[in-house]
Amino acid sequence: MEVETEQLRERVAQSLHKVRPYLQLDGGDVELVEVTPDGIVRVKLVGACKDCPMSIMTLRAGIERALMREVSEVRRVEAVIG
């Protein structure tokens, strides 16, 4: 199970790597915090994304949609504050 979770984390990280340039264009970024065995991805929005009023839209319409499209095991993406 641990190996599967690590493989899932690596696939999520690769997918985030593809999204990252779009966030960086606006001075933001995303950090992968955790991927649970049941497909919950926890990320931390940083830079301009951290305090942006559009961050929820970025999370749902951008990051979550991209991850769910590329990594079928992803069920939800949550932002970690702090």
N, C-alpha and C. Protein backbone atom coordinates (compact mmCIF):
# COMPACT_ATOMS: atom_id res chain seq x y z
N MET A 1 0.83 -1.20 0.00
CA MET A 1 0.00 0.00 0.00
C MET A 1 0.87 1.26 0.00
N GLU A 2 1.95 1.25 0.77
CA GLU A 2 2.82 2.42 0.85
C GLU A 2 3.46 2.73 -0.51
N VAL A 3 3.85 1.69 -1.24
CA VAL A 3 4.44 1.87 -2.57
C VAL A 3 3.41 2.49 -3.51
N GLU A 4 2.15 2.01 -3.42
CA GLU A 4 1.09 2.56 -4.26
C GLU A 4 0.87 4.04 -3.97
N THR A 5 0.89 4.42 -2.70
CA THR A 5 0.70 5.82 -2.33
C THR A 5 1.85 6.67 -2.84
N GLU A 6 3.07 6.16 -2.77
CA GLU A 6 4.22 6.91 -3.29
C GLU A 6 4.13 7.07 -4.81
N GLN A 7 3.68 6.02 -5.50
CA GLN A 7 3.52 6.12 -6.95
C GLN A 7 2.43 7.13 -7.29
N LEU A 8 1.35 7.12 -6.54
CA LEU A 8 0.28 8.09 -6.74
C LEU A 8 0.80 9.51 -6.50
N ARG A 9 1.55 9.69 -5.44
CA ARG A 9 2.13 11.01 -5.14
C ARG A 9 3.02 11.48 -6.29
N GLU A 10 3.82 10.60 -6.83
CA GLU A 10 4.70 10.97 -7.94
C GLU A 10 3.91 11.37 -9.18
N ARG A 11 2.85 10.66 -9.47
CA ARG A 11 2.00 11.01 -10.63
C ARG A 11 1.32 12.35 -10.42
N VAL A 12 0.86 12.61 -9.20
CA VAL A 12 0.25 13.91 -8.87
C VAL A 12 1.29 15.01 -9.01
N ALA A 13 2.49 14.78 -8.51
CA ALA A 13 3.56 15.78 -8.61
C ALA A 13 3.89 16.10 -10.07
N GLN A 14 3.91 15.10 -10.92
CA GLN A 14 4.18 15.31 -12.34
C GLN A 14 3.07 16.14 -12.98
N SER A 15 1.83 15.87 -12.60
CA SER A 15 0.71 16.63 -13.13
C SER A 15 0.75 18.08 -12.65
N LEU A 16 1.09 18.29 -11.38
CA LEU A 16 1.22 19.65 -10.85
C LEU A 16 2.32 20.42 -11.57
N HIS A 17 3.37 19.71 -11.94
CA HIS A 17 4.47 20.33 -12.66
C HIS A 17 3.99 20.95 -13.99
N LYS A 18 3.00 20.35 -14.60
CA LYS A 18 2.44 20.87 -15.86
C LYS A 18 1.57 22.11 -15.63
N VAL A 19 0.94 22.19 -14.47
CA VAL A 19 0.06 23.32 -14.14
C VAL A 19 0.86 24.52 -13.63
N ARG A 20 1.96 24.22 -12.98
CA ARG A 20 2.77 25.24 -12.30
C ARG A 20 3.11 26.47 -13.16
N PRO A 21 3.52 26.32 -14.42
CA PRO A 21 3.88 27.51 -15.20
C PRO A 21 2.75 28.53 -15.34
N TYR A 22 1.52 28.06 -15.38
CA TYR A 22 0.38 28.98 -15.49
C TYR A 22 0.21 29.79 -14.21
N LEU A 23 0.45 29.16 -13.09
CA LEU A 23 0.37 29.88 -11.81
C LEU A 23 1.52 30.86 -11.67
N GLN A 24 2.68 30.46 -12.12
CA GLN A 24 3.87 31.30 -12.00
C GLN A 24 3.79 32.54 -12.88
N LEU A 25 3.02 32.48 -13.96
CA LEU A 25 2.83 33.66 -14.80
C LEU A 25 2.22 34.82 -14.03
N ASP A 26 1.41 34.49 -13.03
CA ASP A 26 0.76 35.51 -12.20
C ASP A 26 1.45 35.69 -10.85
N GLY A 27 2.66 35.15 -10.71
CA GLY A 27 3.40 35.33 -9.47
C GLY A 27 3.05 34.35 -8.37
N GLY A 28 2.33 33.29 -8.71
CA GLY A 28 1.92 32.30 -7.71
C GLY A 28 2.61 30.97 -7.94
N ASP A 29 2.24 30.02 -7.12
CA ASP A 29 2.76 28.67 -7.25
C ASP A 29 1.93 27.75 -6.36
N VAL A 30 2.20 26.47 -6.47
CA VAL A 30 1.51 25.46 -5.68
C VAL A 30 2.53 24.47 -5.16
N GLU A 31 2.36 24.06 -3.91
CA GLU A 31 3.23 23.06 -3.30
C GLU A 31 2.39 21.85 -2.93
N LEU A 32 2.87 20.68 -3.25
CA LEU A 32 2.19 19.44 -2.88
C LEU A 32 2.49 19.14 -1.41
N VAL A 33 1.44 19.00 -0.61
CA VAL A 33 1.59 18.74 0.81
C VAL A 33 1.39 17.25 1.10
N GLU A 34 0.32 16.68 0.55
CA GLU A 34 -0.02 15.30 0.88
C GLU A 34 -0.93 14.71 -0.18
N VAL A 35 -0.78 13.41 -0.40
CA VAL A 35 -1.72 12.64 -1.21
C VAL A 35 -2.12 11.46 -0.35
N THR A 36 -3.41 11.36 -0.05
CA THR A 36 -3.88 10.27 0.80
C THR A 36 -4.15 9.03 -0.05
N PRO A 37 -4.17 7.86 0.57
CA PRO A 37 -4.45 6.64 -0.18
C PRO A 37 -5.84 6.63 -0.83
N ASP A 38 -6.77 7.43 -0.29
CA ASP A 38 -8.11 7.48 -0.88
C ASP A 38 -8.29 8.60 -1.90
N GLY A 39 -7.19 9.18 -2.37
CA GLY A 39 -7.25 10.12 -3.49
C GLY A 39 -7.50 11.57 -3.15
N ILE A 40 -7.28 11.96 -1.92
CA ILE A 40 -7.40 13.37 -1.53
C ILE A 40 -6.01 14.00 -1.66
N VAL A 41 -5.94 15.07 -2.43
CA VAL A 41 -4.68 15.78 -2.64
C VAL A 41 -4.75 17.08 -1.87
N ARG A 42 -3.76 17.31 -1.02
CA ARG A 42 -3.69 18.55 -0.26
C ARG A 42 -2.52 19.37 -0.79
N VAL A 43 -2.82 20.62 -1.14
CA VAL A 43 -1.81 21.50 -1.70
C VAL A 43 -1.80 22.82 -0.94
N LYS A 44 -0.70 23.52 -1.05
CA LYS A 44 -0.57 24.84 -0.44
C LYS A 44 -0.34 25.83 -1.58
N LEU A 45 -1.23 26.81 -1.69
CA LEU A 45 -1.05 27.87 -2.66
C LEU A 45 -0.11 28.91 -2.07
N VAL A 46 0.88 29.32 -2.84
CA VAL A 46 1.89 30.25 -2.34
C VAL A 46 2.06 31.41 -3.31
N GLY A 47 2.82 32.40 -2.88
CA GLY A 47 3.05 33.58 -3.72
C GLY A 47 1.76 34.36 -3.88
N ALA A 48 1.53 34.86 -5.08
CA ALA A 48 0.33 35.65 -5.35
C ALA A 48 -0.94 34.83 -5.19
N CYS A 49 -0.86 33.53 -5.38
CA CYS A 49 -2.04 32.67 -5.25
C CYS A 49 -2.53 32.58 -3.81
N LYS A 50 -1.63 32.76 -2.87
CA LYS A 50 -1.96 32.60 -1.46
C LYS A 50 -3.10 33.51 -1.01
N ASP A 51 -3.05 34.77 -1.41
CA ASP A 51 -4.04 35.75 -0.97
C ASP A 51 -4.99 36.20 -2.07
N CYS A 52 -4.93 35.56 -3.20
CA CYS A 52 -5.76 35.97 -4.34
C CYS A 52 -7.22 35.63 -4.10
N PRO A 53 -8.13 36.57 -4.38
CA PRO A 53 -9.56 36.28 -4.20
C PRO A 53 -10.06 35.20 -5.17
N MET A 54 -9.31 34.93 -6.21
CA MET A 54 -9.69 33.90 -7.19
C MET A 54 -9.06 32.54 -6.87
N SER A 55 -8.43 32.41 -5.73
CA SER A 55 -7.70 31.18 -5.43
C SER A 55 -8.60 29.94 -5.39
N ILE A 56 -9.83 30.07 -4.93
CA ILE A 56 -10.75 28.92 -4.91
C ILE A 56 -11.06 28.48 -6.34
N MET A 57 -11.26 29.45 -7.23
CA MET A 57 -11.51 29.11 -8.63
C MET A 57 -10.27 28.45 -9.24
N THR A 58 -9.11 28.99 -8.92
CA THR A 58 -7.87 28.40 -9.41
C THR A 58 -7.74 26.97 -8.93
N LEU A 59 -8.07 26.75 -7.68
CA LEU A 59 -7.97 25.42 -7.09
C LEU A 59 -8.93 24.45 -7.77
N ARG A 60 -10.19 24.83 -7.91
CA ARG A 60 -11.21 23.93 -8.44
C ARG A 60 -11.14 23.80 -9.97
N ALA A 61 -11.20 24.93 -10.66
CA ALA A 61 -11.28 24.90 -12.13
C ALA A 61 -9.95 24.64 -12.80
N GLY A 62 -8.87 24.96 -12.10
CA GLY A 62 -7.55 24.77 -12.70
C GLY A 62 -6.86 23.53 -12.18
N ILE A 63 -6.43 23.59 -10.94
CA ILE A 63 -5.60 22.52 -10.37
C ILE A 63 -6.38 21.21 -10.24
N GLU A 64 -7.55 21.26 -9.60
CA GLU A 64 -8.31 20.03 -9.39
C GLU A 64 -8.72 19.39 -10.71
N ARG A 65 -9.21 20.17 -11.63
CA ARG A 65 -9.64 19.63 -12.93
C ARG A 65 -8.47 18.98 -13.66
N ALA A 66 -7.32 19.63 -13.66
CA ALA A 66 -6.15 19.08 -14.34
C ALA A 66 -5.69 17.77 -13.70
N LEU A 67 -5.66 17.75 -12.37
CA LEU A 67 -5.22 16.53 -11.68
C LEU A 67 -6.20 15.38 -11.90
N MET A 68 -7.48 15.66 -11.83
CA MET A 68 -8.47 14.60 -12.01
C MET A 68 -8.46 14.06 -13.44
N ARG A 69 -8.13 14.90 -14.39
CA ARG A 69 -8.06 14.48 -15.79
C ARG A 69 -6.86 13.55 -16.01
N GLU A 70 -5.75 13.85 -15.36
CA GLU A 70 -4.52 13.10 -15.59
C GLU A 70 -4.30 11.93 -14.64
N VAL A 71 -4.83 12.02 -13.44
CA VAL A 71 -4.62 10.99 -12.42
C VAL A 71 -5.99 10.53 -11.94
N SER A 72 -6.44 9.41 -12.48
CA SER A 72 -7.81 8.95 -12.22
C SER A 72 -8.12 8.68 -10.76
N GLU A 73 -7.10 8.42 -9.94
CA GLU A 73 -7.34 8.14 -8.52
C GLU A 73 -7.65 9.38 -7.70
N VAL A 74 -7.39 10.56 -8.25
CA VAL A 74 -7.65 11.80 -7.50
C VAL A 74 -9.16 12.02 -7.39
N ARG A 75 -9.62 12.18 -6.17
CA ARG A 75 -11.04 12.40 -5.90
C ARG A 75 -11.35 13.85 -5.57
N ARG A 76 -10.39 14.53 -4.94
CA ARG A 76 -10.62 15.92 -4.53
C ARG A 76 -9.28 16.58 -4.25
N VAL A 77 -9.24 17.90 -4.42
CA VAL A 77 -8.06 18.68 -4.08
C VAL A 77 -8.46 19.69 -3.01
N GLU A 78 -7.70 19.75 -1.96
CA GLU A 78 -7.97 20.67 -0.85
C GLU A 78 -6.78 21.59 -0.65
N ALA A 79 -7.08 22.83 -0.30
CA ALA A 79 -6.01 23.80 0.01
C ALA A 79 -5.70 23.73 1.50
N VAL A 80 -4.42 23.73 1.81
CA VAL A 80 -3.95 23.77 3.18
C VAL A 80 -3.55 25.21 3.47
N ILE A 81 -4.05 25.76 4.55
CA ILE A 81 -3.76 27.14 4.92
C ILE A 81 -2.58 27.15 5.90
N GLY A 82 -1.66 28.10 5.65
CA GLY A 82 -0.56 28.24 6.61
C GLY A 82 0.76 27.80 6.13
